[in-house]
Amino acid sequence: MTRKSQDANGSTIRDVAARAGVSASTVSRVLGGDYPVSTATRTRVLRAVRELDYVADARAKAVAGVGTPTLAFVLEDITGPSFALMAHGVEREATRLGHLCLVCSTEGDVQRELDFIETMRAQRTAAVILVGGTADTPEYRERTRRIADSLASAGSRLVLCGRPPLGPGAPVTVIEYDNEGGAYALVAHVLAQGHQRVLFLGGKPDHATAQGRERGYLAAHRARGLDPDPELLLHGDFTRDSGHRLMRLALSKELEFTAVVAATDMVAAGALTALHEAGLDVPGDVSLAGYDDIPFARDLYPALTTVHVPYEELGRLAVRTALGRTAESPDEHLLLGTHVVVRDSIAAVTS
């Protein structure tokens, strides 16, 4: 039995065709807008659509490649402040360019990510934007290369935003920010204030973003002829709770340090609470810095010195770049700058 295209009110495309005195295929051509139809016929069809209150099946239109064009934004956790800023940039730019933005939060589930991307490929989405750091492994590169090729074969484009690149030849756009350079500049600023023992509260050891920030921390020390104490490198994740836990751990182990650099502003916020709980003043007793420059960083007490990442512009650029390329275009790699925002949480060492 052939399934009819039916709207929520019960009308089918054949009902519209009968009312207008045309074939069902002619109705499809009028609604799709991609085939020449006489003005008189178009008028009759649209009148029948109004009279029957017919709404075309959105899924059928997506598969047919007509209707409102879409793009997909895929991230691990939409509640993260930096991801929210990027999502805002994606949505605003997509709307400006006449596209509907669909968001999927995967919660770190690789299969959920793959299933969503396959759905978007089947619906001929204009682009899929994958956001957020991950472990840069051969498995990641192979899996993501297959995704890029599959999307390209369907006329779509894969954009990696803040994710490790795949290497030459993949039909993918990579948009990054100067992650390691931002960390280097921040730690260099802290060291310039006379601090020599700087505690680093990092992320997961295999996480590409966390690795870049740790490399910047190490490089800034070595540029000043300093060899950082391995005991001052602690690893967790990018959350407030991780910062609080790691800071309490450092204090309980009685590690010697005069400044703390946190891998994110959220980690710094947790560390700040732990320092206050221990009766320590920031920056009087311990200086503190974060990374990301999320909106609340300026509202902490003291206001947090951090690294500004242009997350919203990253989102906007991801959309503009993806929609301006053909699916088969070779790999493209764009890099945005970062800069240190000096506020009140770093003080010079006094002798």
C-alpha atoms as a PDB file:
ATOM      1  CA  MET A   1       0.000   0.000   0.000  1.00  0.00           C
ATOM      2  CA  THR A   2       1.458   3.368  -1.032  1.00  0.00           C
ATOM      3  CA  ARG A   3       1.828   5.885   1.798  1.00  0.00           C
ATOM      4  CA  LYS A   4       0.240   9.268   1.079  1.00  0.00           C
ATOM      5  CA  SER A   5       1.820  12.565   2.082  1.00  0.00           C
ATOM      6  CA  GLN A   6      -0.573  13.712   4.805  1.00  0.00           C
ATOM      7  CA  ASP A   7      -0.499  16.771   7.069  1.00  0.00           C
ATOM      8  CA  ALA A   8      -1.543  17.055  10.723  1.00  0.00           C
ATOM      9  CA  ASN A   9      -5.096  18.095   9.691  1.00  0.00           C
ATOM     10  CA  GLY A  10      -5.671  14.935   7.613  1.00  0.00           C
ATOM     11  CA  SER A  11      -5.393  16.470   4.143  1.00  0.00           C
ATOM     12  CA  THR A  12      -3.150  14.728   1.629  1.00  0.00           C
ATOM     13  CA  ILE A  13      -1.328  15.966  -1.406  1.00  0.00           C
ATOM     14  CA  ARG A  14      -3.865  14.065  -3.503  1.00  0.00           C
ATOM     15  CA  ASP A  15      -6.685  15.992  -1.820  1.00  0.00           C
ATOM     16  CA  VAL A  16      -4.959  19.224  -2.840  1.00  0.00           C
ATOM     17  CA  ALA A  17      -4.489  17.905  -6.379  1.00  0.00           C
ATOM     18  CA  ALA A  18      -8.177  16.931  -6.665  1.00  0.00           C
ATOM     19  CA  ARG A  19      -9.330  20.324  -5.366  1.00  0.00           C
ATOM     20  CA  ALA A  20      -7.036  22.162  -7.816  1.00  0.00           C
ATOM     21  CA  GLY A  21      -7.791  19.841 -10.746  1.00  0.00           C
ATOM     22  CA  VAL A  22      -4.139  18.895 -11.286  1.00  0.00           C
ATOM     23  CA  SER A  23      -1.908  15.894 -10.657  1.00  0.00           C
ATOM     24  CA  ALA A  24      -0.136  15.232  -7.340  1.00  0.00           C
ATOM     25  CA  SER A  25       3.220  15.740  -9.064  1.00  0.00           C
ATOM     26  CA  THR A  26       2.132  19.210 -10.166  1.00  0.00           C
ATOM     27  CA  VAL A  27       1.270  20.071  -6.553  1.00  0.00           C
ATOM     28  CA  SER A  28       4.752  18.921  -5.527  1.00  0.00           C
ATOM     29  CA  ARG A  29       6.314  21.135  -8.197  1.00  0.00           C
ATOM     30  CA  VAL A  30       4.369  24.175  -7.038  1.00  0.00           C
ATOM     31  CA  LEU A  31       5.236  23.632  -3.370  1.00  0.00           C
ATOM     32  CA  GLY A  32       8.856  22.819  -4.142  1.00  0.00           C
ATOM     33  CA  GLY A  33       9.302  25.924  -6.280  1.00  0.00           C
ATOM     34  CA  ASP A  34      11.974  24.176  -8.332  1.00  0.00           C
ATOM     35  CA  TYR A  35      10.051  23.521 -11.583  1.00  0.00           C
ATOM     36  CA  PRO A  36       8.330  25.914 -14.000  1.00  0.00           C
ATOM     37  CA  VAL A  37       4.523  25.958 -13.585  1.00  0.00           C
ATOM     38  CA  SER A  38       2.031  28.338 -15.229  1.00  0.00           C
ATOM     39  CA  THR A  39       0.707  31.203 -13.158  1.00  0.00           C
ATOM     40  CA  ALA A  40      -2.885  29.961 -13.442  1.00  0.00           C
ATOM     41  CA  THR A  41      -1.951  26.487 -12.228  1.00  0.00           C
ATOM     42  CA  ARG A  42       0.132  27.860  -9.372  1.00  0.00           C
ATOM     43  CA  THR A  43      -2.784  30.047  -8.277  1.00  0.00           C
ATOM     44  CA  ARG A  44      -5.227  27.103  -8.253  1.00  0.00           C
ATOM     45  CA  VAL A  45      -2.839  24.902  -6.275  1.00  0.00           C
ATOM     46  CA  LEU A  46      -2.072  27.562  -3.661  1.00  0.00           C
ATOM     47  CA  ARG A  47      -5.788  28.324  -3.268  1.00  0.00           C
ATOM     48  CA  ALA A  48      -6.458  24.615  -2.652  1.00  0.00           C
ATOM     49  CA  VAL A  49      -3.612  24.494  -0.127  1.00  0.00           C
ATOM     50  CA  ARG A  50      -5.165  27.394   1.801  1.00  0.00           C
ATOM     51  CA  GLU A  51      -8.672  25.987   1.672  1.00  0.00           C
ATOM     52  CA  LEU A  52      -7.547  22.574   2.909  1.00  0.00           C
ATOM     53  CA  ASP A  53      -5.038  24.039   5.389  1.00  0.00           C
ATOM     54  CA  TYR A  54      -2.456  21.655   3.949  1.00  0.00           C
ATOM     55  CA  VAL A  55       1.094  21.635   5.300  1.00  0.00           C
ATOM     56  CA  ALA A  56       3.760  19.708   3.418  1.00  0.00           C
ATOM     57  CA  ASP A  57       5.613  16.971   5.283  1.00  0.00           C
ATOM     58  CA  ALA A  58       8.808  18.652   6.504  1.00  0.00           C
ATOM     59  CA  ARG A  59      10.743  15.380   6.422  1.00  0.00           C
ATOM     60  CA  ALA A  60       9.783  14.771   2.807  1.00  0.00           C
ATOM     61  CA  LYS A  61      10.790  18.309   1.895  1.00  0.00           C
ATOM     62  CA  ALA A  62      14.155  17.864   3.622  1.00  0.00           C
ATOM     63  CA  VAL A  63      14.881  14.650   1.737  1.00  0.00           C
ATOM     64  CA  ALA A  64      13.830  16.322  -1.482  1.00  0.00           C
ATOM     65  CA  GLY A  65      16.235  19.168  -0.808  1.00  0.00           C
ATOM     66  CA  VAL A  66      13.570  21.887  -0.658  1.00  0.00           C
ATOM     67  CA  GLY A  67      12.128  24.014   2.124  1.00  0.00           C
ATOM     68  CA  THR A  68      14.186  25.864   4.720  1.00  0.00           C
ATOM     69  CA  PRO A  69      17.861  24.835   4.446  1.00  0.00           C
ATOM     70  CA  THR A  70      19.418  23.543   7.655  1.00  0.00           C
ATOM     71  CA  LEU A  71      22.777  23.157   9.306  1.00  0.00           C
ATOM     72  CA  ALA A  72      23.665  21.087  12.354  1.00  0.00           C
ATOM     73  CA  PHE A  73      25.645  22.108  15.430  1.00  0.00           C
ATOM     74  CA  VAL A  74      26.988  19.128  17.412  1.00  0.00           C
ATOM     75  CA  LEU A  75      28.645  19.520  20.805  1.00  0.00           C
ATOM     76  CA  GLU A  76      29.250  17.493  23.939  1.00  0.00           C
ATOM     77  CA  ASP A  77      27.600  19.726  26.550  1.00  0.00           C
ATOM     78  CA  ILE A  78      25.384  22.690  25.717  1.00  0.00           C
ATOM     79  CA  THR A  79      25.465  23.907  29.332  1.00  0.00           C
ATOM     80  CA  GLY A  80      29.155  24.837  29.115  1.00  0.00           C
ATOM     81  CA  PRO A  81      29.479  28.649  28.935  1.00  0.00           C
ATOM     82  CA  SER A  82      32.041  28.650  26.108  1.00  0.00           C
ATOM     83  CA  PHE A  83      29.917  26.221  24.050  1.00  0.00           C
ATOM     84  CA  ALA A  84      26.849  28.365  24.684  1.00  0.00           C
ATOM     85  CA  LEU A  85      28.672  31.408  23.295  1.00  0.00           C
ATOM     86  CA  MET A  86      29.700  29.473  20.207  1.00  0.00           C
ATOM     87  CA  ALA A  87      26.155  28.140  19.746  1.00  0.00           C
ATOM     88  CA  HIS A  88      24.870  31.717  19.916  1.00  0.00           C
ATOM     89  CA  GLY A  89      27.233  32.734  17.115  1.00  0.00           C
ATOM     90  CA  VAL A  90      26.228  29.755  14.981  1.00  0.00           C
ATOM     91  CA  GLU A  91      22.506  30.362  15.451  1.00  0.00           C
ATOM     92  CA  ARG A  92      22.666  34.094  14.731  1.00  0.00           C
ATOM     93  CA  GLU A  93      24.744  33.678  11.588  1.00  0.00           C
ATOM     94  CA  ALA A  94      22.635  30.773  10.354  1.00  0.00           C
ATOM     95  CA  THR A  95      19.484  32.842  10.819  1.00  0.00           C
ATOM     96  CA  ARG A  96      21.045  35.801   9.026  1.00  0.00           C
ATOM     97  CA  LEU A  97      21.842  33.556   6.064  1.00  0.00           C
ATOM     98  CA  GLY A  98      18.370  32.014   5.987  1.00  0.00           C
ATOM     99  CA  HIS A  99      19.215  28.628   7.524  1.00  0.00           C
ATOM    100  CA  LEU A 100      17.580  26.711  10.349  1.00  0.00           C
ATOM    101  CA  CYS A 101      20.093  25.623  13.017  1.00  0.00           C
ATOM    102  CA  LEU A 102      19.613  22.207  14.668  1.00  0.00           C
ATOM    103  CA  VAL A 103      21.551  21.490  17.880  1.00  0.00           C
ATOM    104  CA  CYS A 104      22.574  18.094  19.264  1.00  0.00           C
ATOM    105  CA  SER A 105      24.192  17.675  22.691  1.00  0.00           C
ATOM    106  CA  THR A 106      25.925  14.282  22.698  1.00  0.00           C
ATOM    107  CA  GLU A 107      27.091  14.157  26.346  1.00  0.00           C
ATOM    108  CA  GLY A 108      30.255  12.511  25.066  1.00  0.00           C
ATOM    109  CA  ASP A 109      28.411   9.579  23.447  1.00  0.00           C
ATOM    110  CA  VAL A 110      30.233   8.835  20.175  1.00  0.00           C
ATOM    111  CA  GLN A 111      27.428   6.652  18.829  1.00  0.00           C
ATOM    112  CA  ARG A 112      24.856   9.353  19.510  1.00  0.00           C
ATOM    113  CA  GLU A 113      27.036  11.784  17.594  1.00  0.00           C
ATOM    114  CA  LEU A 114      27.331   9.408  14.645  1.00  0.00           C
ATOM    115  CA  ASP A 115      23.583   8.704  14.600  1.00  0.00           C
ATOM    116  CA  PHE A 116      22.724  12.399  14.578  1.00  0.00           C
ATOM    117  CA  ILE A 117      25.209  13.146  11.795  1.00  0.00           C
ATOM    118  CA  GLU A 118      23.772  10.305   9.696  1.00  0.00           C
ATOM    119  CA  THR A 119      20.285  11.755  10.167  1.00  0.00           C
ATOM    120  CA  MET A 120      21.532  15.160   9.061  1.00  0.00           C
ATOM    121  CA  ARG A 121      23.274  13.618   6.034  1.00  0.00           C
ATOM    122  CA  ALA A 122      20.047  11.878   5.010  1.00  0.00           C
ATOM    123  CA  GLN A 123      18.193  15.192   5.290  1.00  0.00           C
ATOM    124  CA  ARG A 124      20.819  16.919   3.124  1.00  0.00           C
ATOM    125  CA  THR A 125      21.823  19.483   5.716  1.00  0.00           C
ATOM    126  CA  ALA A 126      24.103  22.177   4.312  1.00  0.00           C
ATOM    127  CA  ALA A 127      26.809  21.637   6.944  1.00  0.00           C
ATOM    128  CA  VAL A 128      27.588  19.798  10.170  1.00  0.00           C
ATOM    129  CA  ILE A 129      29.651  21.727  12.718  1.00  0.00           C
ATOM    130  CA  LEU A 130      31.429  19.533  15.294  1.00  0.00           C
ATOM    131  CA  VAL A 131      32.554  21.502  18.333  1.00  0.00           C
ATOM    132  CA  GLY A 132      34.849  20.900  21.290  1.00  0.00           C
ATOM    133  CA  GLY A 133      38.114  19.195  22.061  1.00  0.00           C
ATOM    134  CA  THR A 134      38.609  15.450  22.020  1.00  0.00           C
ATOM    135  CA  ALA A 135      41.409  12.909  22.154  1.00  0.00           C
ATOM    136  CA  ASP A 136      43.483  13.147  18.968  1.00  0.00           C
ATOM    137  CA  THR A 137      43.847   9.432  18.244  1.00  0.00           C
ATOM    138  CA  PRO A 138      44.098   7.399  15.025  1.00  0.00           C
ATOM    139  CA  GLU A 139      40.572   6.143  15.749  1.00  0.00           C
ATOM    140  CA  TYR A 140      39.297   9.733  15.963  1.00  0.00           C
ATOM    141  CA  ARG A 141      40.951  10.687  12.669  1.00  0.00           C
ATOM    142  CA  GLU A 142      39.651   7.602  10.858  1.00  0.00           C
ATOM    143  CA  ARG A 143      36.105   8.017  12.195  1.00  0.00           C
ATOM    144  CA  THR A 144      35.973  11.724  11.427  1.00  0.00           C
ATOM    145  CA  ARG A 145      37.449  11.243   7.956  1.00  0.00           C
ATOM    146  CA  ARG A 146      34.641   8.770   7.181  1.00  0.00           C
ATOM    147  CA  ILE A 147      32.110  11.333   8.402  1.00  0.00           C
ATOM    148  CA  ALA A 148      33.635  14.048   6.207  1.00  0.00           C
ATOM    149  CA  ASP A 149      33.601  11.818   3.113  1.00  0.00           C
ATOM    150  CA  SER A 150      30.029  10.667   3.784  1.00  0.00           C
ATOM    151  CA  LEU A 151      28.753  14.224   4.189  1.00  0.00           C
ATOM    152  CA  ALA A 152      30.603  15.378   1.077  1.00  0.00           C
ATOM    153  CA  SER A 153      28.998  12.589  -0.963  1.00  0.00           C
ATOM    154  CA  ALA A 154      25.588  13.940   0.096  1.00  0.00           C
ATOM    155  CA  GLY A 155      26.484  17.541  -0.779  1.00  0.00           C
ATOM    156  CA  SER A 156      27.144  18.609   2.819  1.00  0.00           C
ATOM    157  CA  ARG A 157      30.226  20.036   4.512  1.00  0.00           C
ATOM    158  CA  LEU A 158      31.926  19.026   7.768  1.00  0.00           C
ATOM    159  CA  VAL A 159      33.353  21.804   9.958  1.00  0.00           C
ATOM    160  CA  LEU A 160      35.630  21.026  12.909  1.00  0.00           C
ATOM    161  CA  CYS A 161      35.541  23.877  15.395  1.00  0.00           C
ATOM    162  CA  GLY A 162      38.158  23.544  18.131  1.00  0.00           C
ATOM    163  CA  ARG A 163      38.742  19.903  17.194  1.00  0.00           C
ATOM    164  CA  PRO A 164      42.001  18.360  15.950  1.00  0.00           C
ATOM    165  CA  PRO A 165      42.497  18.582  12.153  1.00  0.00           C
ATOM    166  CA  LEU A 166      42.506  15.445  10.014  1.00  0.00           C
ATOM    167  CA  GLY A 167      45.461  16.074   7.766  1.00  0.00           C
ATOM    168  CA  PRO A 168      45.638  16.965   4.072  1.00  0.00           C
ATOM    169  CA  GLY A 169      43.034  15.948   1.545  1.00  0.00           C
ATOM    170  CA  ALA A 170      39.956  15.554   3.730  1.00  0.00           C
ATOM    171  CA  PRO A 171      36.861  17.499   2.576  1.00  0.00           C
ATOM    172  CA  VAL A 172      36.653  19.403   5.850  1.00  0.00           C
ATOM    173  CA  THR A 173      36.957  22.937   7.206  1.00  0.00           C
ATOM    174  CA  VAL A 174      38.938  23.336  10.440  1.00  0.00           C
ATOM    175  CA  ILE A 175      38.480  26.485  12.498  1.00  0.00           C
ATOM    176  CA  GLU A 176      40.656  26.866  15.584  1.00  0.00           C
ATOM    177  CA  TYR A 177      41.887  29.529  17.968  1.00  0.00           C
ATOM    178  CA  ASP A 178      45.454  29.949  19.204  1.00  0.00           C
ATOM    179  CA  ASN A 179      44.981  27.681  22.195  1.00  0.00           C
ATOM    180  CA  GLU A 180      48.624  27.048  23.058  1.00  0.00           C
ATOM    181  CA  GLY A 181      49.636  30.630  22.285  1.00  0.00           C
ATOM    182  CA  GLY A 182      46.987  31.968  24.642  1.00  0.00           C
ATOM    183  CA  ALA A 183      48.244  29.788  27.485  1.00  0.00           C
ATOM    184  CA  TYR A 184      51.834  30.802  26.762  1.00  0.00           C
ATOM    185  CA  ALA A 185      50.965  34.508  26.905  1.00  0.00           C
ATOM    186  CA  LEU A 186      48.984  34.105  30.127  1.00  0.00           C
ATOM    187  CA  VAL A 187      51.691  32.148  31.961  1.00  0.00           C
ATOM    188  CA  ALA A 188      54.356  34.549  30.660  1.00  0.00           C
ATOM    189  CA  HIS A 189      52.340  37.398  32.204  1.00  0.00           C
ATOM    190  CA  VAL A 190      52.164  35.547  35.540  1.00  0.00           C
ATOM    191  CA  LEU A 191      55.891  34.788  35.511  1.00  0.00           C
ATOM    192  CA  ALA A 192      56.657  38.418  34.679  1.00  0.00           C
ATOM    193  CA  GLN A 193      55.073  39.378  38.012  1.00  0.00           C
ATOM    194  CA  GLY A 194      57.837  37.449  39.777  1.00  0.00           C
ATOM    195  CA  HIS A 195      56.058  34.130  40.322  1.00  0.00           C
ATOM    196  CA  GLN A 196      58.286  31.092  39.847  1.00  0.00           C
ATOM    197  CA  ARG A 197      56.168  28.316  41.328  1.00  0.00           C
ATOM    198  CA  VAL A 198      52.906  28.298  39.404  1.00  0.00           C
ATOM    199  CA  LEU A 199      50.340  25.585  40.040  1.00  0.00           C
ATOM    200  CA  PHE A 200      48.561  24.406  36.870  1.00  0.00           C
ATOM    201  CA  LEU A 201      45.061  22.942  37.156  1.00  0.00           C
ATOM    202  CA  GLY A 202      44.681  21.161  33.837  1.00  0.00           C
ATOM    203  CA  GLY A 203      42.151  19.009  32.015  1.00  0.00           C
ATOM    204  CA  LYS A 204      42.178  15.381  30.943  1.00  0.00           C
ATOM    205  CA  PRO A 205      45.695  14.312  29.843  1.00  0.00           C
ATOM    206  CA  ASP A 206      44.446  12.915  26.491  1.00  0.00           C
ATOM    207  CA  HIS A 207      42.195  15.902  25.663  1.00  0.00           C
ATOM    208  CA  ALA A 208      43.584  17.937  22.745  1.00  0.00           C
ATOM    209  CA  THR A 209      42.500  21.324  24.130  1.00  0.00           C
ATOM    210  CA  ALA A 210      43.912  20.521  27.569  1.00  0.00           C
ATOM    211  CA  GLN A 211      47.166  19.352  26.013  1.00  0.00           C
ATOM    212  CA  GLY A 212      47.563  22.618  24.101  1.00  0.00           C
ATOM    213  CA  ARG A 213      47.082  24.717  27.221  1.00  0.00           C
ATOM    214  CA  GLU A 214      49.551  22.595  29.165  1.00  0.00           C
ATOM    215  CA  ARG A 215      52.112  22.945  26.372  1.00  0.00           C
ATOM    216  CA  GLY A 216      51.742  26.719  26.592  1.00  0.00           C
ATOM    217  CA  TYR A 217      52.300  26.585  30.356  1.00  0.00           C
ATOM    218  CA  LEU A 218      55.481  24.541  29.925  1.00  0.00           C
ATOM    219  CA  ALA A 219      56.814  26.615  27.020  1.00  0.00           C
ATOM    220  CA  ALA A 220      56.405  29.889  28.932  1.00  0.00           C
ATOM    221  CA  HIS A 221      58.478  28.504  31.801  1.00  0.00           C
ATOM    222  CA  ARG A 222      61.210  27.222  29.521  1.00  0.00           C
ATOM    223  CA  ALA A 223      61.380  30.534  27.678  1.00  0.00           C
ATOM    224  CA  ARG A 224      62.392  32.132  30.995  1.00  0.00           C
ATOM    225  CA  GLY A 225      64.895  29.380  31.813  1.00  0.00           C
ATOM    226  CA  LEU A 226      62.627  27.758  34.398  1.00  0.00           C
ATOM    227  CA  ASP A 227      61.999  24.051  34.818  1.00  0.00           C
ATOM    228  CA  PRO A 228      58.466  23.608  36.198  1.00  0.00           C
ATOM    229  CA  ASP A 229      58.024  21.203  39.082  1.00  0.00           C
ATOM    230  CA  PRO A 230      56.018  18.166  37.835  1.00  0.00           C
ATOM    231  CA  GLU A 231      54.171  18.117  41.173  1.00  0.00           C
ATOM    232  CA  LEU A 232      52.589  21.443  40.231  1.00  0.00           C
ATOM    233  CA  LEU A 233      50.753  19.939  37.240  1.00  0.00           C
ATOM    234  CA  LEU A 234      47.416  18.488  38.336  1.00  0.00           C
ATOM    235  CA  HIS A 235      44.854  16.977  35.973  1.00  0.00           C
ATOM    236  CA  GLY A 236      41.064  16.835  36.143  1.00  0.00           C
ATOM    237  CA  ASP A 237      38.484  18.170  33.732  1.00  0.00           C
ATOM    238  CA  PHE A 238      37.158  21.585  32.695  1.00  0.00           C
ATOM    239  CA  THR A 239      34.479  21.928  35.382  1.00  0.00           C
ATOM    240  CA  ARG A 240      34.073  24.085  38.473  1.00  0.00           C
ATOM    241  CA  ASP A 241      33.983  20.978  40.696  1.00  0.00           C
ATOM    242  CA  SER A 242      37.282  19.775  39.273  1.00  0.00           C
ATOM    243  CA  GLY A 243      38.911  23.118  40.094  1.00  0.00           C
ATOM    244  CA  HIS A 244      37.587  22.998  43.646  1.00  0.00           C
ATOM    245  CA  ARG A 245      38.751  19.411  44.141  1.00  0.00           C
ATOM    246  CA  LEU A 246      42.218  19.939  42.657  1.00  0.00           C
ATOM    247  CA  MET A 247      42.765  23.129  44.637  1.00  0.00           C
ATOM    248  CA  ARG A 248      41.857  21.393  47.893  1.00  0.00           C
ATOM    249  CA  LEU A 249      44.187  18.533  46.940  1.00  0.00           C
ATOM    250  CA  ALA A 250      47.086  20.922  46.348  1.00  0.00           C
ATOM    251  CA  LEU A 251      46.479  22.636  49.690  1.00  0.00           C
ATOM    252  CA  SER A 252      46.188  19.322  51.554  1.00  0.00           C
ATOM    253  CA  LYS A 253      49.512  18.165  50.060  1.00  0.00           C
ATOM    254  CA  GLU A 254      51.049  21.491  51.151  1.00  0.00           C
ATOM    255  CA  LEU A 255      52.472  22.139  47.703  1.00  0.00           C
ATOM    256  CA  GLU A 256      54.475  25.345  47.480  1.00  0.00           C
ATOM    257  CA  PHE A 257      53.163  27.861  44.952  1.00  0.00           C
ATOM    258  CA  THR A 258      52.423  31.568  44.758  1.00  0.00           C
ATOM    259  CA  ALA A 259      50.129  31.533  41.718  1.00  0.00           C
ATOM    260  CA  VAL A 260      47.564  29.261  40.100  1.00  0.00           C
ATOM    261  CA  VAL A 261      46.740  29.017  36.400  1.00  0.00           C
ATOM    262  CA  ALA A 262      43.511  27.137  35.712  1.00  0.00           C
ATOM    263  CA  ALA A 263      42.751  25.500  32.359  1.00  0.00           C
ATOM    264  CA  THR A 264      39.342  27.222  32.183  1.00  0.00           C
ATOM    265  CA  ASP A 265      37.480  30.002  33.963  1.00  0.00           C
ATOM    266  CA  MET A 266      35.114  27.382  35.400  1.00  0.00           C
ATOM    267  CA  VAL A 267      38.088  25.555  36.925  1.00  0.00           C
ATOM    268  CA  ALA A 268      39.358  28.891  38.251  1.00  0.00           C
ATOM    269  CA  ALA A 269      35.983  29.592  39.872  1.00  0.00           C
ATOM    270  CA  GLY A 270      36.158  26.312  41.790  1.00  0.00           C
ATOM    271  CA  ALA A 271      39.757  26.990  42.784  1.00  0.00           C
ATOM    272  CA  LEU A 272      38.823  30.473  44.010  1.00  0.00           C
ATOM    273  CA  THR A 273      36.153  29.035  46.297  1.00  0.00           C
ATOM    274  CA  ALA A 274      38.618  26.506  47.736  1.00  0.00           C
ATOM    275  CA  LEU A 275      41.189  29.240  48.375  1.00  0.00           C
ATOM    276  CA  HIS A 276      38.595  31.383  50.158  1.00  0.00           C
ATOM    277  CA  GLU A 277      37.490  28.362  52.214  1.00  0.00           C
ATOM    278  CA  ALA A 278      41.113  27.899  53.297  1.00  0.00           C
ATOM    279  CA  GLY A 279      41.264  31.530  54.469  1.00  0.00           C
ATOM    280  CA  LEU A 280      43.591  32.620  51.670  1.00  0.00           C
ATOM    281  CA  ASP A 281      43.285  35.984  49.954  1.00  0.00           C
ATOM    282  CA  VAL A 282      43.390  36.361  46.164  1.00  0.00           C
ATOM    283  CA  PRO A 283      45.631  37.940  44.998  1.00  0.00           C
ATOM    284  CA  GLY A 284      47.183  38.910  48.382  1.00  0.00           C
ATOM    285  CA  ASP A 285      48.248  35.361  49.294  1.00  0.00           C
ATOM    286  CA  VAL A 286      47.845  33.526  45.983  1.00  0.00           C
ATOM    287  CA  SER A 287      47.407  34.898  42.468  1.00  0.00           C
ATOM    288  CA  LEU A 288      44.898  33.174  40.175  1.00  0.00           C
ATOM    289  CA  ALA A 289      44.198  33.148  36.422  1.00  0.00           C
ATOM    290  CA  GLY A 290      41.746  31.324  34.164  1.00  0.00           C
ATOM    291  CA  TYR A 291      41.176  30.745  30.471  1.00  0.00           C
ATOM    292  CA  ASP A 292      38.226  31.456  28.109  1.00  0.00           C
ATOM    293  CA  ASP A 293      36.975  34.878  29.313  1.00  0.00           C
ATOM    294  CA  ILE A 294      33.406  33.681  29.754  1.00  0.00           C
ATOM    295  CA  PRO A 295      30.991  36.440  30.841  1.00  0.00           C
ATOM    296  CA  PHE A 296      31.037  35.834  34.599  1.00  0.00           C
ATOM    297  CA  ALA A 297      34.859  36.002  34.799  1.00  0.00           C
ATOM    298  CA  ARG A 298      34.676  39.773  35.258  1.00  0.00           C
ATOM    299  CA  ASP A 299      32.101  39.382  38.048  1.00  0.00           C
ATOM    300  CA  LEU A 300      34.154  37.097  40.291  1.00  0.00           C
ATOM    301  CA  TYR A 301      35.841  38.688  43.281  1.00  0.00           C
ATOM    302  CA  PRO A 302      38.480  39.566  42.446  1.00  0.00           C
ATOM    303  CA  ALA A 303      37.759  39.966  38.722  1.00  0.00           C
ATOM    304  CA  LEU A 304      39.602  37.159  36.945  1.00  0.00           C
ATOM    305  CA  THR A 305      42.638  37.623  34.724  1.00  0.00           C
ATOM    306  CA  THR A 306      42.130  35.234  31.827  1.00  0.00           C
ATOM    307  CA  VAL A 307      42.577  34.546  28.102  1.00  0.00           C
ATOM    308  CA  HIS A 308      39.911  35.834  25.757  1.00  0.00           C
ATOM    309  CA  VAL A 309      38.740  33.305  23.168  1.00  0.00           C
ATOM    310  CA  PRO A 310      36.409  34.694  20.460  1.00  0.00           C
ATOM    311  CA  TYR A 311      33.879  31.882  20.818  1.00  0.00           C
ATOM    312  CA  GLU A 312      30.930  33.705  19.284  1.00  0.00           C
ATOM    313  CA  GLU A 313      33.001  34.754  16.272  1.00  0.00           C
ATOM    314  CA  LEU A 314      34.213  31.152  15.947  1.00  0.00           C
ATOM    315  CA  GLY A 315      30.587  30.102  15.597  1.00  0.00           C
ATOM    316  CA  ARG A 316      29.796  32.831  13.081  1.00  0.00           C
ATOM    317  CA  LEU A 317      32.908  32.059  11.032  1.00  0.00           C
ATOM    318  CA  ALA A 318      32.105  28.343  11.026  1.00  0.00           C
ATOM    319  CA  VAL A 319      28.739  29.053   9.403  1.00  0.00           C
ATOM    320  CA  ARG A 320      30.012  31.627   6.904  1.00  0.00           C
ATOM    321  CA  THR A 321      32.909  29.446   5.836  1.00  0.00           C
ATOM    322  CA  ALA A 322      30.905  26.235   5.554  1.00  0.00           C
ATOM    323  CA  LEU A 323      28.148  27.802   3.491  1.00  0.00           C
ATOM    324  CA  GLY A 324      30.673  29.476   1.231  1.00  0.00           C
ATOM    325  CA  ARG A 325      32.401  26.249   0.247  1.00  0.00           C
ATOM    326  CA  THR A 326      31.362  23.357  -1.975  1.00  0.00           C
ATOM    327  CA  ALA A 327      31.140  19.926  -0.395  1.00  0.00           C
ATOM    328  CA  GLU A 328      34.094  18.626  -2.429  1.00  0.00           C
ATOM    329  CA  SER A 329      36.439  21.516  -1.598  1.00  0.00           C
ATOM    330  CA  PRO A 330      39.760  20.367  -0.144  1.00  0.00           C
ATOM    331  CA  ASP A 331      40.670  20.868   3.484  1.00  0.00           C
ATOM    332  CA  GLU A 332      40.733  24.418   4.801  1.00  0.00           C
ATOM    333  CA  HIS A 333      42.340  25.529   8.088  1.00  0.00           C
ATOM    334  CA  LEU A 334      41.603  28.873   9.763  1.00  0.00           C
ATOM    335  CA  LEU A 335      43.165  30.154  13.004  1.00  0.00           C
ATOM    336  CA  LEU A 336      41.764  32.945  15.193  1.00  0.00           C
ATOM    337  CA  GLY A 337      43.836  34.839  17.730  1.00  0.00           C
ATOM    338  CA  THR A 338      43.528  34.955  21.520  1.00  0.00           C
ATOM    339  CA  HIS A 339      44.729  37.573  24.003  1.00  0.00           C
ATOM    340  CA  VAL A 340      45.265  38.012  27.733  1.00  0.00           C
ATOM    341  CA  VAL A 341      42.697  40.083  29.636  1.00  0.00           C
ATOM    342  CA  VAL A 342      44.374  41.548  32.723  1.00  0.00           C
ATOM    343  CA  ARG A 343      42.043  42.140  35.669  1.00  0.00           C
ATOM    344  CA  ASP A 344      42.548  42.014  39.425  1.00  0.00           C
ATOM    345  CA  SER A 345      43.424  38.436  40.354  1.00  0.00           C
ATOM    346  CA  ILE A 346      47.190  38.561  39.687  1.00  0.00           C
ATOM    347  CA  ALA A 347      49.564  40.478  41.955  1.00  0.00           C
ATOM    348  CA  ALA A 348      53.309  40.963  41.731  1.00  0.00           C
ATOM    349  CA  VAL A 349      55.490  39.001  44.140  1.00  0.00           C
ATOM    350  CA  THR A 350      56.806  41.203  46.923  1.00  0.00           C
ATOM    351  CA  SER A 351      60.156  40.414  48.475  1.00  0.00           C
END
